[in-house]
Amino acid sequence: MGMRATVVLGFVLVWSGTIASAAAAEPQQARTMDQVIDRVITNENRLDQQIRQYSPITVQVNEPIGGDWEMLNASYKYTKTSAWAAQFNVPIDKNGTSVLRYRIRAHW
């Protein structure tokens, strides 16, 4: 007889208009963890300022989800793009912040 586990997972995605881009990062070799953290924060702030010049945007979030799952609740409408994935289109106002929250029940 097989074993079936039920797990309830909660995920939160916070989007503040920041897009990570490897091309935007300056090619520097950090020597300490503090330097790495400072560079990441500087790049994030620079990208955040760049994205704010655009009109409201929609971020397409593709979430891989394992097992046999069902969406219990979500802060935005979703589409089940495959047996193992959900897609959300999250609108972000100019100079705004959006929070995507969803909760699933997965069976393995």
PDB file of N, CA and C in Angstrom:
ATOM      1  N   MET A   1       0.850  -1.175   0.000  1.00  0.00           N
ATOM      2  CA  MET A   1       0.000   0.000   0.000  1.00  0.00           C
ATOM      3  C   MET A   1       0.895   1.237   0.000  1.00  0.00           C
ATOM      4  N   GLY A   2       0.628   2.183  -0.896  1.00  0.00           N
ATOM      5  CA  GLY A   2       1.450   3.386  -0.993  1.00  0.00           C
ATOM      6  C   GLY A   2       1.078   4.408   0.065  1.00  0.00           C
ATOM      7  N   MET A   3       2.008   5.305   0.292  1.00  0.00           N
ATOM      8  CA  MET A   3       1.801   6.352   1.278  1.00  0.00           C
ATOM      9  C   MET A   3       1.474   7.654   0.540  1.00  0.00           C
ATOM     10  N   ARG A   4       0.497   8.366   0.995  1.00  0.00           N
ATOM     11  CA  ARG A   4       0.122   9.628   0.358  1.00  0.00           C
ATOM     12  C   ARG A   4       0.217  10.731   1.404  1.00  0.00           C
ATOM     13  N   ALA A   5       0.989  11.752   1.087  1.00  0.00           N
ATOM     14  CA  ALA A   5       1.175  12.859   2.021  1.00  0.00           C
ATOM     15  C   ALA A   5       0.427  14.078   1.507  1.00  0.00           C
ATOM     16  N   THR A   6      -0.174  14.804   2.413  1.00  0.00           N
ATOM     17  CA  THR A   6      -0.851  16.042   2.069  1.00  0.00           C
ATOM     18  C   THR A   6      -0.094  17.176   2.732  1.00  0.00           C
ATOM     19  N   VAL A   7       0.259  18.168   1.932  1.00  0.00           N
ATOM     20  CA  VAL A   7       1.019  19.296   2.443  1.00  0.00           C
ATOM     21  C   VAL A   7       0.325  20.575   2.002  1.00  0.00           C
ATOM     22  N   VAL A   8       0.199  21.510   2.902  1.00  0.00           N
ATOM     23  CA  VAL A   8      -0.341  22.813   2.568  1.00  0.00           C
ATOM     24  C   VAL A   8       0.820  23.782   2.582  1.00  0.00           C
ATOM     25  N   LEU A   9       1.031  24.454   1.453  1.00  0.00           N
ATOM     26  CA  LEU A   9       2.141  25.379   1.311  1.00  0.00           C
ATOM     27  C   LEU A   9       1.613  26.790   1.126  1.00  0.00           C
ATOM     28  N   GLY A  10       2.293  27.750   1.686  1.00  0.00           N
ATOM     29  CA  GLY A  10       1.958  29.150   1.472  1.00  0.00           C
ATOM     30  C   GLY A  10       3.152  29.865   0.885  1.00  0.00           C
ATOM     31  N   PHE A  11       2.925  30.666  -0.123  1.00  0.00           N
ATOM     32  CA  PHE A  11       3.998  31.384  -0.790  1.00  0.00           C
ATOM     33  C   PHE A  11       3.642  32.859  -0.833  1.00  0.00           C
ATOM     34  N   VAL A  12       4.654  33.697  -0.675  1.00  0.00           N
ATOM     35  CA  VAL A  12       4.455  35.132  -0.790  1.00  0.00           C
ATOM     36  C   VAL A  12       5.541  35.667  -1.710  1.00  0.00           C
ATOM     37  N   LEU A  13       5.134  36.418  -2.694  1.00  0.00           N
ATOM     38  CA  LEU A  13       6.059  37.086  -3.595  1.00  0.00           C
ATOM     39  C   LEU A  13       5.835  38.572  -3.425  1.00  0.00           C
ATOM     40  N   VAL A  14       6.878  39.282  -3.048  1.00  0.00           N
ATOM     41  CA  VAL A  14       6.771  40.722  -2.906  1.00  0.00           C
ATOM     42  C   VAL A  14       7.517  41.347  -4.063  1.00  0.00           C
ATOM     43  N   TRP A  15       6.833  42.183  -4.798  1.00  0.00           N
ATOM     44  CA  TRP A  15       7.429  42.830  -5.958  1.00  0.00           C
ATOM     45  C   TRP A  15       7.356  44.328  -5.741  1.00  0.00           C
ATOM     46  N   SER A  16       8.513  44.977  -5.777  1.00  0.00           N
ATOM     47  CA  SER A  16       8.526  46.424  -5.582  1.00  0.00           C
ATOM     48  C   SER A  16       9.058  47.135  -6.812  1.00  0.00           C
ATOM     49  N   GLY A  17       8.814  46.560  -7.972  1.00  0.00           N
ATOM     50  CA  GLY A  17       9.251  47.213  -9.187  1.00  0.00           C
ATOM     51  C   GLY A  17      10.716  47.019  -9.472  1.00  0.00           C
ATOM     52  N   THR A  18      11.341  45.998  -8.899  1.00  0.00           N
ATOM     53  CA  THR A  18      12.762  45.752  -9.099  1.00  0.00           C
ATOM     54  C   THR A  18      12.939  44.555 -10.003  1.00  0.00           C
ATOM     55  N   ILE A  19      13.733  44.722 -11.036  1.00  0.00           N
ATOM     56  CA  ILE A  19      14.029  43.626 -11.943  1.00  0.00           C
ATOM     57  C   ILE A  19      15.523  43.350 -11.862  1.00  0.00           C
ATOM     58  N   ALA A  20      15.872  42.125 -11.520  1.00  0.00           N
ATOM     59  CA  ALA A  20      17.273  41.758 -11.448  1.00  0.00           C
ATOM     60  C   ALA A  20      17.785  41.507 -12.853  1.00  0.00           C
ATOM     61  N   SER A  21      18.908  42.063 -13.168  1.00  0.00           N
ATOM     62  CA  SER A  21      19.471  41.897 -14.494  1.00  0.00           C
ATOM     63  C   SER A  21      20.970  41.723 -14.385  1.00  0.00           C
ATOM     64  N   ALA A  22      21.464  40.623 -14.909  1.00  0.00           N
ATOM     65  CA  ALA A  22      22.899  40.375 -14.852  1.00  0.00           C
ATOM     66  C   ALA A  22      23.644  41.403 -15.681  1.00  0.00           C
ATOM     67  N   ALA A  23      23.016  41.900 -16.747  1.00  0.00           N
ATOM     68  CA  ALA A  23      23.681  42.878 -17.599  1.00  0.00           C
ATOM     69  C   ALA A  23      23.868  44.209 -16.884  1.00  0.00           C
ATOM     70  N   ALA A  24      22.986  44.525 -15.942  1.00  0.00           N
ATOM     71  CA  ALA A  24      23.072  45.794 -15.239  1.00  0.00           C
ATOM     72  C   ALA A  24      24.142  45.776 -14.156  1.00  0.00           C
ATOM     73  N   ALA A  25      24.528  44.603 -13.701  1.00  0.00           N
ATOM     74  CA  ALA A  25      25.530  44.495 -12.652  1.00  0.00           C
ATOM     75  C   ALA A  25      26.904  44.824 -13.219  1.00  0.00           C
ATOM     76  N   GLU A  26      27.636  45.613 -12.488  1.00  0.00           N
ATOM     77  CA  GLU A  26      28.981  45.959 -12.924  1.00  0.00           C
ATOM     78  C   GLU A  26      29.907  44.785 -12.635  1.00  0.00           C
ATOM     79  N   PRO A  27      30.766  44.437 -13.573  1.00  0.00           N
ATOM     80  CA  PRO A  27      31.669  43.296 -13.345  1.00  0.00           C
ATOM     81  C   PRO A  27      32.778  43.662 -12.371  1.00  0.00           C
ATOM     82  N   GLN A  28      32.532  43.457 -11.099  1.00  0.00           N
ATOM     83  CA  GLN A  28      33.513  43.716 -10.056  1.00  0.00           C
ATOM     84  C   GLN A  28      33.690  42.442  -9.252  1.00  0.00           C
ATOM     85  N   GLN A  29      34.856  42.295  -8.689  1.00  0.00           N
ATOM     86  CA  GLN A  29      35.096  41.128  -7.852  1.00  0.00           C
ATOM     87  C   GLN A  29      35.115  41.587  -6.403  1.00  0.00           C
ATOM     88  N   ALA A  30      34.073  41.211  -5.655  1.00  0.00           N
ATOM     89  CA  ALA A  30      33.966  41.608  -4.262  1.00  0.00           C
ATOM     90  C   ALA A  30      34.920  40.781  -3.412  1.00  0.00           C
ATOM     91  N   ARG A  31      35.426  41.394  -2.376  1.00  0.00           N
ATOM     92  CA  ARG A  31      36.380  40.694  -1.514  1.00  0.00           C
ATOM     93  C   ARG A  31      35.752  40.242  -0.202  1.00  0.00           C
ATOM     94  N   THR A  32      34.705  40.922   0.221  1.00  0.00           N
ATOM     95  CA  THR A  32      34.063  40.543   1.478  1.00  0.00           C
ATOM     96  C   THR A  32      32.554  40.430   1.257  1.00  0.00           C
ATOM     97  N   MET A  33      31.904  39.785   2.201  1.00  0.00           N
ATOM     98  CA  MET A  33      30.451  39.653   2.129  1.00  0.00           C
ATOM     99  C   MET A  33      29.785  41.018   2.204  1.00  0.00           C
ATOM    100  N   ASP A  34      30.321  41.937   3.002  1.00  0.00           N
ATOM    101  CA  ASP A  34      29.754  43.285   3.089  1.00  0.00           C
ATOM    102  C   ASP A  34      29.799  43.989   1.734  1.00  0.00           C
ATOM    103  N   GLN A  35      30.883  43.803   0.982  1.00  0.00           N
ATOM    104  CA  GLN A  35      30.982  44.418  -0.335  1.00  0.00           C
ATOM    105  C   GLN A  35      29.952  43.816  -1.293  1.00  0.00           C
ATOM    106  N   VAL A  36      29.753  42.515  -1.199  1.00  0.00           N
ATOM    107  CA  VAL A  36      28.752  41.856  -2.046  1.00  0.00           C
ATOM    108  C   VAL A  36      27.367  42.398  -1.731  1.00  0.00           C
ATOM    109  N   ILE A  37      27.038  42.490  -0.462  1.00  0.00           N
ATOM    110  CA  ILE A  37      25.727  42.982  -0.038  1.00  0.00           C
ATOM    111  C   ILE A  37      25.529  44.426  -0.480  1.00  0.00           C
ATOM    112  N   ASP A  38      26.548  45.256  -0.294  1.00  0.00           N
ATOM    113  CA  ASP A  38      26.453  46.652  -0.719  1.00  0.00           C
ATOM    114  C   ASP A  38      26.228  46.763  -2.220  1.00  0.00           C
ATOM    115  N   ARG A  39      26.930  45.943  -3.005  1.00  0.00           N
ATOM    116  CA  ARG A  39      26.776  45.994  -4.460  1.00  0.00           C
ATOM    117  C   ARG A  39      25.378  45.545  -4.878  1.00  0.00           C
ATOM    118  N   VAL A  40      24.862  44.503  -4.241  1.00  0.00           N
ATOM    119  CA  VAL A  40      23.512  44.025  -4.563  1.00  0.00           C
ATOM    120  C   VAL A  40      22.478  45.104  -4.248  1.00  0.00           C
ATOM    121  N   ILE A  41      22.594  45.730  -3.096  1.00  0.00           N
ATOM    122  CA  ILE A  41      21.642  46.772  -2.705  1.00  0.00           C
ATOM    123  C   ILE A  41      21.739  47.970  -3.639  1.00  0.00           C
ATOM    124  N   THR A  42      22.957  48.369  -4.001  1.00  0.00           N
ATOM    125  CA  THR A  42      23.140  49.493  -4.930  1.00  0.00           C
ATOM    126  C   THR A  42      22.508  49.194  -6.283  1.00  0.00           C
ATOM    127  N   ASN A  43      22.752  47.993  -6.811  1.00  0.00           N
ATOM    128  CA  ASN A  43      22.163  47.615  -8.099  1.00  0.00           C
ATOM    129  C   ASN A  43      20.649  47.535  -8.022  1.00  0.00           C
ATOM    130  N   GLU A  44      20.133  47.008  -6.929  1.00  0.00           N
ATOM    131  CA  GLU A  44      18.682  46.915  -6.768  1.00  0.00           C
ATOM    132  C   GLU A  44      18.053  48.304  -6.737  1.00  0.00           C
ATOM    133  N   ASN A  45      18.667  49.219  -6.007  1.00  0.00           N
ATOM    134  CA  ASN A  45      18.141  50.587  -5.938  1.00  0.00           C
ATOM    135  C   ASN A  45      18.212  51.280  -7.297  1.00  0.00           C
ATOM    136  N   ARG A  46      19.289  51.066  -8.041  1.00  0.00           N
ATOM    137  CA  ARG A  46      19.435  51.669  -9.361  1.00  0.00           C
ATOM    138  C   ARG A  46      18.350  51.131 -10.307  1.00  0.00           C
ATOM    139  N   LEU A  47      18.151  49.823 -10.298  1.00  0.00           N
ATOM    140  CA  LEU A  47      17.129  49.224 -11.159  1.00  0.00           C
ATOM    141  C   LEU A  47      15.723  49.665 -10.751  1.00  0.00           C
ATOM    142  N   ASP A  48      15.517  49.805  -9.455  1.00  0.00           N
ATOM    143  CA  ASP A  48      14.221  50.256  -8.958  1.00  0.00           C
ATOM    144  C   ASP A  48      13.914  51.658  -9.481  1.00  0.00           C
ATOM    145  N   GLN A  49      14.901  52.541  -9.483  1.00  0.00           N
ATOM    146  CA  GLN A  49      14.708  53.890  -9.996  1.00  0.00           C
ATOM    147  C   GLN A  49      14.459  53.883 -11.507  1.00  0.00           C
ATOM    148  N   GLN A  50      15.149  53.004 -12.224  1.00  0.00           N
ATOM    149  CA  GLN A  50      14.960  52.922 -13.668  1.00  0.00           C
ATOM    150  C   GLN A  50      13.548  52.450 -14.027  1.00  0.00           C
ATOM    151  N   ILE A  51      13.045  51.453 -13.315  1.00  0.00           N
ATOM    152  CA  ILE A  51      11.731  50.895 -13.648  1.00  0.00           C
ATOM    153  C   ILE A  51      10.604  51.868 -13.307  1.00  0.00           C
ATOM    154  N   ARG A  52      10.829  52.770 -12.374  1.00  0.00           N
ATOM    155  CA  ARG A  52       9.784  53.712 -11.962  1.00  0.00           C
ATOM    156  C   ARG A  52       9.429  54.719 -13.051  1.00  0.00           C
ATOM    157  N   GLN A  53      10.279  54.870 -14.060  1.00  0.00           N
ATOM    158  CA  GLN A  53       9.985  55.822 -15.128  1.00  0.00           C
ATOM    159  C   GLN A  53       8.907  55.313 -16.084  1.00  0.00           C
ATOM    160  N   TYR A  54       8.624  54.035 -16.040  1.00  0.00           N
ATOM    161  CA  TYR A  54       7.642  53.453 -16.944  1.00  0.00           C
ATOM    162  C   TYR A  54       6.240  53.559 -16.390  1.00  0.00           C
ATOM    163  N   SER A  55       5.268  53.408 -17.284  1.00  0.00           N
ATOM    164  CA  SER A  55       3.864  53.370 -16.875  1.00  0.00           C
ATOM    165  C   SER A  55       3.625  52.131 -16.036  1.00  0.00           C
ATOM    166  N   PRO A  56       2.433  51.979 -15.505  1.00  0.00           N
ATOM    167  CA  PRO A  56       2.149  50.745 -14.768  1.00  0.00           C
ATOM    168  C   PRO A  56       2.503  49.517 -15.618  1.00  0.00           C
ATOM    169  N   ILE A  57       3.019  48.490 -14.967  1.00  0.00           N
ATOM    170  CA  ILE A  57       3.433  47.282 -15.675  1.00  0.00           C
ATOM    171  C   ILE A  57       2.713  46.069 -15.102  1.00  0.00           C
ATOM    172  N   THR A  58       2.767  44.982 -15.831  1.00  0.00           N
ATOM    173  CA  THR A  58       2.242  43.708 -15.359  1.00  0.00           C
ATOM    174  C   THR A  58       3.390  42.714 -15.362  1.00  0.00           C
ATOM    175  N   VAL A  59       3.611  42.091 -14.229  1.00  0.00           N
ATOM    176  CA  VAL A  59       4.667  41.093 -14.099  1.00  0.00           C
ATOM    177  C   VAL A  59       4.026  39.716 -14.225  1.00  0.00           C
ATOM    178  N   GLN A  60       4.561  38.916 -15.117  1.00  0.00           N
ATOM    179  CA  GLN A  60       4.066  37.555 -15.299  1.00  0.00           C
ATOM    180  C   GLN A  60       4.891  36.637 -14.399  1.00  0.00           C
ATOM    181  N   VAL A  61       4.217  36.014 -13.443  1.00  0.00           N
ATOM    182  CA  VAL A  61       4.873  35.134 -12.478  1.00  0.00           C
ATOM    183  C   VAL A  61       4.508  33.700 -12.824  1.00  0.00           C
ATOM    184  N   ASN A  62       5.502  32.896 -13.135  1.00  0.00           N
ATOM    185  CA  ASN A  62       5.305  31.481 -13.429  1.00  0.00           C
ATOM    186  C   ASN A  62       5.867  30.674 -12.269  1.00  0.00           C
ATOM    187  N   GLU A  63       5.002  30.008 -11.555  1.00  0.00           N
ATOM    188  CA  GLU A  63       5.406  29.248 -10.373  1.00  0.00           C
ATOM    189  C   GLU A  63       5.354  27.748 -10.639  1.00  0.00           C
ATOM    190  N   PRO A  64       6.493  27.075 -10.547  1.00  0.00           N
ATOM    191  CA  PRO A  64       6.459  25.614 -10.631  1.00  0.00           C
ATOM    192  C   PRO A  64       5.923  25.056  -9.309  1.00  0.00           C
ATOM    193  N   ILE A  65       5.008  24.113  -9.403  1.00  0.00           N
ATOM    194  CA  ILE A  65       4.397  23.530  -8.203  1.00  0.00           C
ATOM    195  C   ILE A  65       4.426  22.015  -8.366  1.00  0.00           C
ATOM    196  N   GLY A  66       5.039  21.345  -7.420  1.00  0.00           N
ATOM    197  CA  GLY A  66       5.166  19.896  -7.504  1.00  0.00           C
ATOM    198  C   GLY A  66       3.944  19.163  -6.980  1.00  0.00           C
ATOM    199  N   GLY A  67       3.831  17.923  -7.407  1.00  0.00           N
ATOM    200  CA  GLY A  67       2.760  17.065  -6.923  1.00  0.00           C
ATOM    201  C   GLY A  67       1.420  17.360  -7.573  1.00  0.00           C
ATOM    202  N   ASP A  68       0.407  16.678  -7.080  1.00  0.00           N
ATOM    203  CA  ASP A  68      -0.971  16.900  -7.501  1.00  0.00           C
ATOM    204  C   ASP A  68      -1.501  18.019  -6.614  1.00  0.00           C
ATOM    205  N   TRP A  69      -1.732  19.195  -7.179  1.00  0.00           N
ATOM    206  CA  TRP A  69      -2.031  20.359  -6.351  1.00  0.00           C
ATOM    207  C   TRP A  69      -3.359  20.999  -6.704  1.00  0.00           C
ATOM    208  N   GLU A  70      -3.858  21.741  -5.718  1.00  0.00           N
ATOM    209  CA  GLU A  70      -5.039  22.568  -5.930  1.00  0.00           C
ATOM    210  C   GLU A  70      -4.806  23.903  -5.237  1.00  0.00           C
ATOM    211  N   MET A  71      -5.258  24.968  -5.866  1.00  0.00           N
ATOM    212  CA  MET A  71      -5.102  26.310  -5.317  1.00  0.00           C
ATOM    213  C   MET A  71      -6.205  26.522  -4.280  1.00  0.00           C
ATOM    214  N   LEU A  72      -5.807  26.847  -3.060  1.00  0.00           N
ATOM    215  CA  LEU A  72      -6.784  27.106  -2.004  1.00  0.00           C
ATOM    216  C   LEU A  72      -7.244  28.559  -2.034  1.00  0.00           C
ATOM    217  N   ASN A  73      -6.307  29.485  -2.214  1.00  0.00           N
ATOM    218  CA  ASN A  73      -6.656  30.888  -2.393  1.00  0.00           C
ATOM    219  C   ASN A  73      -5.465  31.612  -3.010  1.00  0.00           C
ATOM    220  N   ALA A  74      -5.753  32.735  -3.647  1.00  0.00           N
ATOM    221  CA  ALA A  74      -4.710  33.534  -4.284  1.00  0.00           C
ATOM    222  C   ALA A  74      -5.158  34.986  -4.332  1.00  0.00           C
ATOM    223  N   SER A  75      -4.209  35.884  -4.191  1.00  0.00           N
ATOM    224  CA  SER A  75      -4.540  37.308  -4.218  1.00  0.00           C
ATOM    225  C   SER A  75      -4.767  37.825  -5.638  1.00  0.00           C
ATOM    226  N   TYR A  76      -4.334  37.067  -6.652  1.00  0.00           N
ATOM    227  CA  TYR A  76      -4.583  37.418  -8.052  1.00  0.00           C
ATOM    228  C   TYR A  76      -5.069  36.177  -8.789  1.00  0.00           C
ATOM    229  N   LYS A  77      -5.809  36.402  -9.865  1.00  0.00           N
ATOM    230  CA  LYS A  77      -6.301  35.301 -10.683  1.00  0.00           C
ATOM    231  C   LYS A  77      -5.113  34.531 -11.258  1.00  0.00           C
ATOM    232  N   TYR A  78      -5.247  33.215 -11.333  1.00  0.00           N
ATOM    233  CA  TYR A  78      -4.167  32.382 -11.849  1.00  0.00           C
ATOM    234  C   TYR A  78      -4.682  31.508 -12.981  1.00  0.00           C
ATOM    235  N   THR A  79      -3.732  30.997 -13.752  1.00  0.00           N
ATOM    236  CA  THR A  79      -4.024  30.031 -14.796  1.00  0.00           C
ATOM    237  C   THR A  79      -3.147  28.816 -14.539  1.00  0.00           C
ATOM    238  N   LYS A  80      -3.741  27.637 -14.561  1.00  0.00           N
ATOM    239  CA  LYS A  80      -2.970  26.410 -14.406  1.00  0.00           C
ATOM    240  C   LYS A  80      -2.387  26.082 -15.780  1.00  0.00           C
ATOM    241  N   THR A  81      -1.119  26.435 -15.984  1.00  0.00           N
ATOM    242  CA  THR A  81      -0.497  26.306 -17.304  1.00  0.00           C
ATOM    243  C   THR A  81      -0.054  24.888 -17.612  1.00  0.00           C
ATOM    244  N   SER A  82       0.133  24.073 -16.601  1.00  0.00           N
ATOM    245  CA  SER A  82       0.434  22.654 -16.774  1.00  0.00           C
ATOM    246  C   SER A  82       0.095  21.970 -15.459  1.00  0.00           C
ATOM    247  N   ALA A  83       0.303  20.670 -15.413  1.00  0.00           N
ATOM    248  CA  ALA A  83       0.030  19.940 -14.176  1.00  0.00           C
ATOM    249  C   ALA A  83       0.963  20.386 -13.057  1.00  0.00           C
ATOM    250  N   TRP A  84       2.078  21.006 -13.423  1.00  0.00           N
ATOM    251  CA  TRP A  84       3.096  21.366 -12.439  1.00  0.00           C
ATOM    252  C   TRP A  84       3.371  22.856 -12.376  1.00  0.00           C
ATOM    253  N   ALA A  85       2.459  23.700 -12.852  1.00  0.00           N
ATOM    254  CA  ALA A  85       2.753  25.132 -12.855  1.00  0.00           C
ATOM    255  C   ALA A  85       1.491  25.985 -12.824  1.00  0.00           C
ATOM    256  N   ALA A  86       1.647  27.153 -12.220  1.00  0.00           N
ATOM    257  CA  ALA A  86       0.588  28.164 -12.213  1.00  0.00           C
ATOM    258  C   ALA A  86       1.192  29.473 -12.693  1.00  0.00           C
ATOM    259  N   GLN A  87       0.378  30.259 -13.391  1.00  0.00           N
ATOM    260  CA  GLN A  87       0.835  31.549 -13.898  1.00  0.00           C
ATOM    261  C   GLN A  87      -0.077  32.644 -13.369  1.00  0.00           C
ATOM    262  N   PHE A  88       0.548  33.695 -12.845  1.00  0.00           N
ATOM    263  CA  PHE A  88      -0.164  34.864 -12.339  1.00  0.00           C
ATOM    264  C   PHE A  88       0.284  36.072 -13.141  1.00  0.00           C
ATOM    265  N   ASN A  89      -0.631  36.989 -13.429  1.00  0.00           N
ATOM    266  CA  ASN A  89      -0.290  38.286 -14.011  1.00  0.00           C
ATOM    267  C   ASN A  89      -0.557  39.325 -12.935  1.00  0.00           C
ATOM    268  N   VAL A  90       0.532  39.883 -12.406  1.00  0.00           N
ATOM    269  CA  VAL A  90       0.443  40.789 -11.261  1.00  0.00           C
ATOM    270  C   VAL A  90       0.653  42.228 -11.728  1.00  0.00           C
ATOM    271  N   PRO A  91      -0.373  43.075 -11.638  1.00  0.00           N
ATOM    272  CA  PRO A  91      -0.220  44.476 -12.036  1.00  0.00           C
ATOM    273  C   PRO A  91       0.524  45.269 -10.963  1.00  0.00           C
ATOM    274  N   ILE A  92       1.381  46.176 -11.433  1.00  0.00           N
ATOM    275  CA  ILE A  92       2.126  47.039 -10.512  1.00  0.00           C
ATOM    276  C   ILE A  92       1.964  48.467 -10.987  1.00  0.00           C
ATOM    277  N   ASP A  93       1.419  49.310 -10.133  1.00  0.00           N
ATOM    278  CA  ASP A  93       1.241  50.718 -10.470  1.00  0.00           C
ATOM    279  C   ASP A  93       2.591  51.413 -10.508  1.00  0.00           C
ATOM    280  N   LYS A  94       2.648  52.509 -11.247  1.00  0.00           N
ATOM    281  CA  LYS A  94       3.876  53.297 -11.289  1.00  0.00           C
ATOM    282  C   LYS A  94       4.195  53.729  -9.863  1.00  0.00           C
ATOM    283  N   ASN A  95       5.436  53.533  -9.467  1.00  0.00           N
ATOM    284  CA  ASN A  95       5.910  53.835  -8.106  1.00  0.00           C
ATOM    285  C   ASN A  95       5.185  53.004  -7.048  1.00  0.00           C
ATOM    286  N   GLY A  96       4.633  51.869  -7.446  1.00  0.00           N
ATOM    287  CA  GLY A  96       3.854  51.066  -6.511  1.00  0.00           C
ATOM    288  C   GLY A  96       4.512  49.759  -6.140  1.00  0.00           C
ATOM    289  N   THR A  97       3.825  49.033  -5.316  1.00  0.00           N
ATOM    290  CA  THR A  97       4.253  47.731  -4.850  1.00  0.00           C
ATOM    291  C   THR A  97       3.057  46.795  -4.928  1.00  0.00           C
ATOM    292  N   SER A  98       3.293  45.567  -5.352  1.00  0.00           N
ATOM    293  CA  SER A  98       2.237  44.559  -5.372  1.00  0.00           C
ATOM    294  C   SER A  98       2.720  43.339  -4.618  1.00  0.00           C
ATOM    295  N   VAL A  99       1.812  42.681  -3.951  1.00  0.00           N
ATOM    296  CA  VAL A  99       2.129  41.473  -3.202  1.00  0.00           C
ATOM    297  C   VAL A  99       1.267  40.345  -3.742  1.00  0.00           C
ATOM    298  N   LEU A 100       1.911  39.269  -4.157  1.00  0.00           N
ATOM    299  CA  LEU A 100       1.206  38.074  -4.615  1.00  0.00           C
ATOM    300  C   LEU A 100       1.260  37.056  -3.488  1.00  0.00           C
ATOM    301  N   ARG A 101       0.083  36.628  -3.054  1.00  0.00           N
ATOM    302  CA  ARG A 101       0.004  35.594  -2.017  1.00  0.00           C
ATOM    303  C   ARG A 101      -0.857  34.471  -2.563  1.00  0.00           C
ATOM    304  N   TYR A 102      -0.412  33.255  -2.345  1.00  0.00           N
ATOM    305  CA  TYR A 102      -1.253  32.121  -2.704  1.00  0.00           C
ATOM    306  C   TYR A 102      -0.963  30.956  -1.775  1.00  0.00           C
ATOM    307  N   ARG A 103      -1.946  30.085  -1.704  1.00  0.00           N
ATOM    308  CA  ARG A 103      -1.862  28.921  -0.818  1.00  0.00           C
ATOM    309  C   ARG A 103      -2.359  27.727  -1.591  1.00  0.00           C
ATOM    310  N   ILE A 104      -1.581  26.652  -1.571  1.00  0.00           N
ATOM    311  CA  ILE A 104      -1.959  25.454  -2.296  1.00  0.00           C
ATOM    312  C   ILE A 104      -2.024  24.254  -1.351  1.00  0.00           C
ATOM    313  N   ARG A 105      -2.682  23.218  -1.816  1.00  0.00           N
ATOM    314  CA  ARG A 105      -2.643  21.913  -1.149  1.00  0.00           C
ATOM    315  C   ARG A 105      -2.054  20.968  -2.178  1.00  0.00           C
ATOM    316  N   ALA A 106      -0.952  20.299  -1.821  1.00  0.00           N
ATOM    317  CA  ALA A 106      -0.288  19.386  -2.745  1.00  0.00           C
ATOM    318  C   ALA A 106      -0.265  17.978  -2.165  1.00  0.00           C
ATOM    319  N   HIS A 107      -0.456  17.012  -3.041  1.00  0.00           N
ATOM    320  CA  HIS A 107      -0.413  15.604  -2.655  1.00  0.00           C
ATOM    321  C   HIS A 107       0.715  14.937  -3.452  1.00  0.00           C
ATOM    322  N   TRP A 108       1.498  14.100  -2.775  1.00  0.00           N
ATOM    323  CA  TRP A 108       2.532  13.329  -3.448  1.00  0.00           C
ATOM    324  C   TRP A 108       2.287  11.855  -3.286  1.00  0.00           C
TER     325      TRP A 108
END
